[in-house]
Amino acid sequence: MLISSVLFGIVLAILRKGDLRRLGLVKFRLWWLIVASFVLKLAIVRFSSSGVEWMITYGPALHLVAYGMLLFPLLLNRDLPWMKLALLGTGLNFAVIAANGGQMPVFEATLVLMGKLESLARIQVTTDATHTIATANTALAWLGDWIPVPLPLSAVVSPGDIFLALAVILFTNTVTQPSYRPGHGLAG
């Protein structure tokens, strides 16, 4: 959903006559930690889905590390437009993942509703180190992945994902506008 949010934000910025070159002028400290976080999460998902035993075992702990790597630069850059909203969304996701042993709980019924049967099967056989099926004993289940997002995305997302997606779209649209002046208290 994050890639879709970036793309939607860019298209919306262009439609609003924003200048995408302005994104390169934003002083985003430790941006490389965000990239490293996504690379780590991708590795966790790929290796655990492929049945790599050590990743299935240590993936949940590494998932928490990946979120820590994401939270730190968001906290450091919280004065940029909409970063507090991104921090809120990421913090909510981190909270539910930490409360559930490093895995994001997913509602089985929503996966079925969205036709995500392959994802459901992978989670049920525990080769998905980043997700687990929500049960009656799941901590903070309401912060897990339960919100169905229809086509073209066809995804199951969490409240934190929604906040993060909105933050990305709004950030992109704020900083690409000629009216944006760093440090002048615009929304966010």
C-alpha atoms as a PDB file:
ATOM      1  CA  MET A   1       0.000   0.000   0.000  1.00  0.00           C
ATOM      2  CA  LEU A   2       2.928   2.330   0.624  1.00  0.00           C
ATOM      3  CA  ILE A   3       4.091   2.207  -3.001  1.00  0.00           C
ATOM      4  CA  SER A   4       0.536   2.931  -4.143  1.00  0.00           C
ATOM      5  CA  SER A   5       0.411   5.895  -1.756  1.00  0.00           C
ATOM      6  CA  VAL A   6       3.666   7.289  -3.126  1.00  0.00           C
ATOM      7  CA  LEU A   7       2.418   6.916  -6.703  1.00  0.00           C
ATOM      8  CA  PHE A   8      -0.980   8.431  -5.858  1.00  0.00           C
ATOM      9  CA  GLY A   9       0.749  11.300  -4.048  1.00  0.00           C
ATOM     10  CA  ILE A  10       2.969  11.992  -7.068  1.00  0.00           C
ATOM     11  CA  VAL A  11       0.041  11.905  -9.518  1.00  0.00           C
ATOM     12  CA  LEU A  12      -1.999  14.167  -7.260  1.00  0.00           C
ATOM     13  CA  ALA A  13       0.942  16.569  -6.878  1.00  0.00           C
ATOM     14  CA  ILE A  14       1.320  16.750 -10.665  1.00  0.00           C
ATOM     15  CA  LEU A  15      -2.417  17.370 -11.103  1.00  0.00           C
ATOM     16  CA  ARG A  16      -2.139  20.159  -8.531  1.00  0.00           C
ATOM     17  CA  LYS A  17       0.736  21.689 -10.544  1.00  0.00           C
ATOM     18  CA  GLY A  18       3.317  20.713  -7.941  1.00  0.00           C
ATOM     19  CA  ASP A  19       7.013  20.611  -8.787  1.00  0.00           C
ATOM     20  CA  LEU A  20       8.377  17.130  -8.015  1.00  0.00           C
ATOM     21  CA  ARG A  21      11.931  18.513  -7.981  1.00  0.00           C
ATOM     22  CA  ARG A  22      11.036  20.151  -4.670  1.00  0.00           C
ATOM     23  CA  LEU A  23      10.983  16.673  -3.070  1.00  0.00           C
ATOM     24  CA  GLY A  24      14.761  16.596  -3.557  1.00  0.00           C
ATOM     25  CA  LEU A  25      15.128  19.822  -1.590  1.00  0.00           C
ATOM     26  CA  VAL A  26      13.567  18.403   1.578  1.00  0.00           C
ATOM     27  CA  LYS A  27      16.164  17.894   4.322  1.00  0.00           C
ATOM     28  CA  PHE A  28      15.083  14.450   5.542  1.00  0.00           C
ATOM     29  CA  ARG A  29      17.621  13.265   8.103  1.00  0.00           C
ATOM     30  CA  LEU A  30      18.619   9.582   8.145  1.00  0.00           C
ATOM     31  CA  TRP A  31      16.425   8.797   5.113  1.00  0.00           C
ATOM     32  CA  TRP A  32      18.647   5.814   4.388  1.00  0.00           C
ATOM     33  CA  LEU A  33      17.355   4.090   7.553  1.00  0.00           C
ATOM     34  CA  ILE A  34      13.885   4.063   6.007  1.00  0.00           C
ATOM     35  CA  VAL A  35      15.274   2.448   2.859  1.00  0.00           C
ATOM     36  CA  ALA A  36      17.202  -0.090   4.963  1.00  0.00           C
ATOM     37  CA  SER A  37      14.025  -0.835   6.945  1.00  0.00           C
ATOM     38  CA  PHE A  38      12.102  -1.671   3.771  1.00  0.00           C
ATOM     39  CA  VAL A  39      14.957  -3.791   2.442  1.00  0.00           C
ATOM     40  CA  LEU A  40      15.049  -5.717   5.734  1.00  0.00           C
ATOM     41  CA  LYS A  41      11.279  -6.241   5.725  1.00  0.00           C
ATOM     42  CA  LEU A  42      11.389  -7.396   2.100  1.00  0.00           C
ATOM     43  CA  ALA A  43      14.149  -9.883   2.991  1.00  0.00           C
ATOM     44  CA  ILE A  44      12.134 -11.178   5.953  1.00  0.00           C
ATOM     45  CA  VAL A  45       9.047 -11.711   3.798  1.00  0.00           C
ATOM     46  CA  ARG A  46      10.943 -13.271   0.869  1.00  0.00           C
ATOM     47  CA  PHE A  47      13.091 -15.633   2.932  1.00  0.00           C
ATOM     48  CA  SER A  48      10.359 -16.727   5.342  1.00  0.00           C
ATOM     49  CA  SER A  49       7.881 -17.247   2.471  1.00  0.00           C
ATOM     50  CA  SER A  50      10.495 -19.422   0.763  1.00  0.00           C
ATOM     51  CA  GLY A  51      10.692 -21.602   3.860  1.00  0.00           C
ATOM     52  CA  VAL A  52      14.113 -20.457   5.088  1.00  0.00           C
ATOM     53  CA  GLU A  53      13.997 -21.900   8.587  1.00  0.00           C
ATOM     54  CA  TRP A  54      16.219 -19.370  10.398  1.00  0.00           C
ATOM     55  CA  MET A  55      14.168 -16.490   8.932  1.00  0.00           C
ATOM     56  CA  ILE A  56      10.917 -18.102  10.022  1.00  0.00           C
ATOM     57  CA  THR A  57      12.416 -18.353  13.528  1.00  0.00           C
ATOM     58  CA  TYR A  58      14.110 -14.934  13.779  1.00  0.00           C
ATOM     59  CA  GLY A  59      11.921 -13.003  11.325  1.00  0.00           C
ATOM     60  CA  PRO A  60       9.471 -11.699  13.949  1.00  0.00           C
ATOM     61  CA  ALA A  61      12.332 -10.189  15.998  1.00  0.00           C
ATOM     62  CA  LEU A  62      13.862  -8.722  12.835  1.00  0.00           C
ATOM     63  CA  HIS A  63      10.409  -7.332  11.965  1.00  0.00           C
ATOM     64  CA  LEU A  64      10.519  -5.316  15.191  1.00  0.00           C
ATOM     65  CA  VAL A  65      14.038  -4.128  14.317  1.00  0.00           C
ATOM     66  CA  ALA A  66      12.774  -2.998  10.896  1.00  0.00           C
ATOM     67  CA  TYR A  67      10.014  -0.954  12.546  1.00  0.00           C
ATOM     68  CA  GLY A  68      12.519   0.573  14.963  1.00  0.00           C
ATOM     69  CA  MET A  69      14.665   1.555  11.978  1.00  0.00           C
ATOM     70  CA  LEU A  70      11.582   3.225  10.498  1.00  0.00           C
ATOM     71  CA  LEU A  71      10.418   4.970  13.668  1.00  0.00           C
ATOM     72  CA  PHE A  72      13.724   6.661  14.477  1.00  0.00           C
ATOM     73  CA  PRO A  73      14.024   8.843  11.331  1.00  0.00           C
ATOM     74  CA  LEU A  74      10.300   9.666  11.458  1.00  0.00           C
ATOM     75  CA  LEU A  75      10.756  10.868  15.035  1.00  0.00           C
ATOM     76  CA  LEU A  76      13.881  12.801  14.079  1.00  0.00           C
ATOM     77  CA  ASN A  77      12.035  14.494  11.166  1.00  0.00           C
ATOM     78  CA  ARG A  78       8.722  15.034  12.963  1.00  0.00           C
ATOM     79  CA  ASP A  79       8.781  18.763  12.174  1.00  0.00           C
ATOM     80  CA  LEU A  80       8.452  18.111   8.441  1.00  0.00           C
ATOM     81  CA  PRO A  81       4.893  18.322   7.088  1.00  0.00           C
ATOM     82  CA  TRP A  82       2.719  15.341   7.964  1.00  0.00           C
ATOM     83  CA  MET A  83       5.538  13.388   9.631  1.00  0.00           C
ATOM     84  CA  LYS A  84       3.626  13.318  12.920  1.00  0.00           C
ATOM     85  CA  LEU A  85       0.823  11.500  11.100  1.00  0.00           C
ATOM     86  CA  ALA A  86       3.378   9.080   9.587  1.00  0.00           C
ATOM     87  CA  LEU A  87       4.847   8.608  13.049  1.00  0.00           C
ATOM     88  CA  LEU A  88       1.375   7.886  14.468  1.00  0.00           C
ATOM     89  CA  GLY A  89       0.627   5.276  11.796  1.00  0.00           C
ATOM     90  CA  THR A  90       4.019   3.614  12.141  1.00  0.00           C
ATOM     91  CA  GLY A  91       3.774   3.736  15.944  1.00  0.00           C
ATOM     92  CA  LEU A  92       0.360   2.044  15.896  1.00  0.00           C
ATOM     93  CA  ASN A  93       1.723  -0.700  13.646  1.00  0.00           C
ATOM     94  CA  PHE A  94       4.778  -1.117  15.870  1.00  0.00           C
ATOM     95  CA  ALA A  95       2.567  -1.350  18.980  1.00  0.00           C
ATOM     96  CA  VAL A  96       0.385  -4.155  17.613  1.00  0.00           C
ATOM     97  CA  ILE A  97       3.357  -6.014  16.125  1.00  0.00           C
ATOM     98  CA  ALA A  98       5.318  -5.769  19.403  1.00  0.00           C
ATOM     99  CA  ALA A  99       2.280  -6.885  21.409  1.00  0.00           C
ATOM    100  CA  ASN A 100       2.007  -9.982  19.193  1.00  0.00           C
ATOM    101  CA  GLY A 101       5.558 -11.277  19.238  1.00  0.00           C
ATOM    102  CA  GLY A 102       6.796  -9.441  16.151  1.00  0.00           C
ATOM    103  CA  GLN A 103       3.919 -10.348  13.860  1.00  0.00           C
ATOM    104  CA  MET A 104       1.033  -8.254  12.520  1.00  0.00           C
ATOM    105  CA  PRO A 105      -2.300  -9.937  13.234  1.00  0.00           C
ATOM    106  CA  VAL A 106      -4.557 -10.336  10.199  1.00  0.00           C
ATOM    107  CA  PHE A 107      -8.268 -11.092  10.270  1.00  0.00           C
ATOM    108  CA  GLU A 108      -8.924 -14.363   8.453  1.00  0.00           C
ATOM    109  CA  ALA A 109     -12.422 -13.293   7.367  1.00  0.00           C
ATOM    110  CA  THR A 110     -11.054 -10.175   5.667  1.00  0.00           C
ATOM    111  CA  LEU A 111      -8.406 -12.187   3.815  1.00  0.00           C
ATOM    112  CA  VAL A 112     -11.148 -14.518   2.560  1.00  0.00           C
ATOM    113  CA  LEU A 113     -13.387 -11.567   1.638  1.00  0.00           C
ATOM    114  CA  MET A 114     -10.569 -10.040  -0.416  1.00  0.00           C
ATOM    115  CA  GLY A 115      -9.704 -13.352  -2.089  1.00  0.00           C
ATOM    116  CA  LYS A 116      -6.260 -13.473  -0.455  1.00  0.00           C
ATOM    117  CA  LEU A 117      -6.354 -17.248  -0.018  1.00  0.00           C
ATOM    118  CA  GLU A 118      -2.673 -17.735  -0.882  1.00  0.00           C
ATOM    119  CA  SER A 119      -1.687 -15.243   1.815  1.00  0.00           C
ATOM    120  CA  LEU A 120      -4.040 -16.961   4.254  1.00  0.00           C
ATOM    121  CA  ALA A 121      -2.507 -20.372   3.522  1.00  0.00           C
ATOM    122  CA  ARG A 122       1.047 -19.023   3.967  1.00  0.00           C
ATOM    123  CA  ILE A 123       0.155 -17.461   7.323  1.00  0.00           C
ATOM    124  CA  GLN A 124      -1.656 -20.605   8.500  1.00  0.00           C
ATOM    125  CA  VAL A 125       1.406 -22.802   7.858  1.00  0.00           C
ATOM    126  CA  THR A 126       3.589 -20.215   9.652  1.00  0.00           C
ATOM    127  CA  THR A 127       5.931 -19.487   6.760  1.00  0.00           C
ATOM    128  CA  ASP A 128       5.046 -15.799   7.023  1.00  0.00           C
ATOM    129  CA  ALA A 129       7.320 -14.358   9.692  1.00  0.00           C
ATOM    130  CA  THR A 130       5.622 -10.948   9.637  1.00  0.00           C
ATOM    131  CA  HIS A 131       1.942 -11.925   9.991  1.00  0.00           C
ATOM    132  CA  THR A 132      -0.248 -14.132  12.152  1.00  0.00           C
ATOM    133  CA  ILE A 133      -3.974 -14.896  12.121  1.00  0.00           C
ATOM    134  CA  ALA A 134      -5.891 -12.834  14.686  1.00  0.00           C
ATOM    135  CA  THR A 135      -7.661 -14.864  17.364  1.00  0.00           C
ATOM    136  CA  ALA A 136      -9.697 -14.096  20.479  1.00  0.00           C
ATOM    137  CA  ASN A 137      -6.373 -13.892  22.371  1.00  0.00           C
ATOM    138  CA  THR A 138      -4.695 -11.420  20.008  1.00  0.00           C
ATOM    139  CA  ALA A 139      -3.461  -8.286  21.749  1.00  0.00           C
ATOM    140  CA  LEU A 140      -4.618  -4.988  20.231  1.00  0.00           C
ATOM    141  CA  ALA A 141      -6.407  -6.850  17.418  1.00  0.00           C
ATOM    142  CA  TRP A 142      -8.237  -3.672  16.367  1.00  0.00           C
ATOM    143  CA  LEU A 143      -4.838  -2.245  15.300  1.00  0.00           C
ATOM    144  CA  GLY A 144      -4.101  -5.257  13.078  1.00  0.00           C
ATOM    145  CA  ASP A 145      -4.820  -5.803   9.392  1.00  0.00           C
ATOM    146  CA  TRP A 146      -8.612  -5.934   9.146  1.00  0.00           C
ATOM    147  CA  ILE A 147      -9.588  -3.117   6.772  1.00  0.00           C
ATOM    148  CA  PRO A 148     -10.416  -4.330   3.244  1.00  0.00           C
ATOM    149  CA  VAL A 149      -9.142  -2.090   0.443  1.00  0.00           C
ATOM    150  CA  PRO A 150     -10.849  -2.917  -2.875  1.00  0.00           C
ATOM    151  CA  LEU A 151      -9.375  -2.958  -6.364  1.00  0.00           C
ATOM    152  CA  PRO A 152      -7.101  -1.729  -7.762  1.00  0.00           C
ATOM    153  CA  LEU A 153      -5.099  -2.371  -4.551  1.00  0.00           C
ATOM    154  CA  SER A 154      -7.011  -5.395  -3.270  1.00  0.00           C
ATOM    155  CA  ALA A 155      -5.330  -5.390   0.113  1.00  0.00           C
ATOM    156  CA  VAL A 156      -6.033  -5.895   3.799  1.00  0.00           C
ATOM    157  CA  VAL A 157      -4.556  -3.069   5.865  1.00  0.00           C
ATOM    158  CA  SER A 158      -4.381  -1.739   9.413  1.00  0.00           C
ATOM    159  CA  PRO A 159      -5.480   1.620  10.839  1.00  0.00           C
ATOM    160  CA  GLY A 160      -1.757   2.479  11.090  1.00  0.00           C
ATOM    161  CA  ASP A 161      -1.353   1.755   7.361  1.00  0.00           C
ATOM    162  CA  ILE A 162      -4.185   4.191   6.602  1.00  0.00           C
ATOM    163  CA  PHE A 163      -2.528   6.963   8.635  1.00  0.00           C
ATOM    164  CA  LEU A 164       0.836   6.248   7.010  1.00  0.00           C
ATOM    165  CA  ALA A 165      -0.660   6.261   3.492  1.00  0.00           C
ATOM    166  CA  LEU A 166      -2.415   9.572   4.146  1.00  0.00           C
ATOM    167  CA  ALA A 167       0.806  11.052   5.530  1.00  0.00           C
ATOM    168  CA  VAL A 168       2.766  10.050   2.412  1.00  0.00           C
ATOM    169  CA  ILE A 169       0.133  11.507   0.070  1.00  0.00           C
ATOM    170  CA  LEU A 170      -0.212  14.735   2.068  1.00  0.00           C
ATOM    171  CA  PHE A 171       3.558  15.136   2.540  1.00  0.00           C
ATOM    172  CA  THR A 172       4.174  14.752  -1.197  1.00  0.00           C
ATOM    173  CA  ASN A 173       1.468  17.272  -2.008  1.00  0.00           C
ATOM    174  CA  THR A 174       2.582  19.773   0.602  1.00  0.00           C
ATOM    175  CA  VAL A 175       6.297  19.925  -0.193  1.00  0.00           C
ATOM    176  CA  THR A 176       5.829  20.014  -3.987  1.00  0.00           C
ATOM    177  CA  GLN A 177       3.690  23.152  -3.892  1.00  0.00           C
ATOM    178  CA  PRO A 178       5.254  26.578  -4.473  1.00  0.00           C
ATOM    179  CA  SER A 179       3.569  27.824  -1.279  1.00  0.00           C
ATOM    180  CA  TYR A 180       5.603  25.392   0.858  1.00  0.00           C
ATOM    181  CA  ARG A 181       8.369  27.041   2.848  1.00  0.00           C
ATOM    182  CA  PRO A 182      10.304  24.773   5.214  1.00  0.00           C
ATOM    183  CA  GLY A 183       9.791  25.671   8.871  1.00  0.00           C
ATOM    184  CA  HIS A 184       6.747  27.885   8.386  1.00  0.00           C
ATOM    185  CA  GLY A 185       4.216  25.785  10.278  1.00  0.00           C
ATOM    186  CA  LEU A 186       2.212  24.219   7.476  1.00  0.00           C
ATOM    187  CA  ALA A 187      -0.123  21.323   8.298  1.00  0.00           C
ATOM    188  CA  GLY A 188       1.195  18.134   9.761  1.00  0.00           C
END
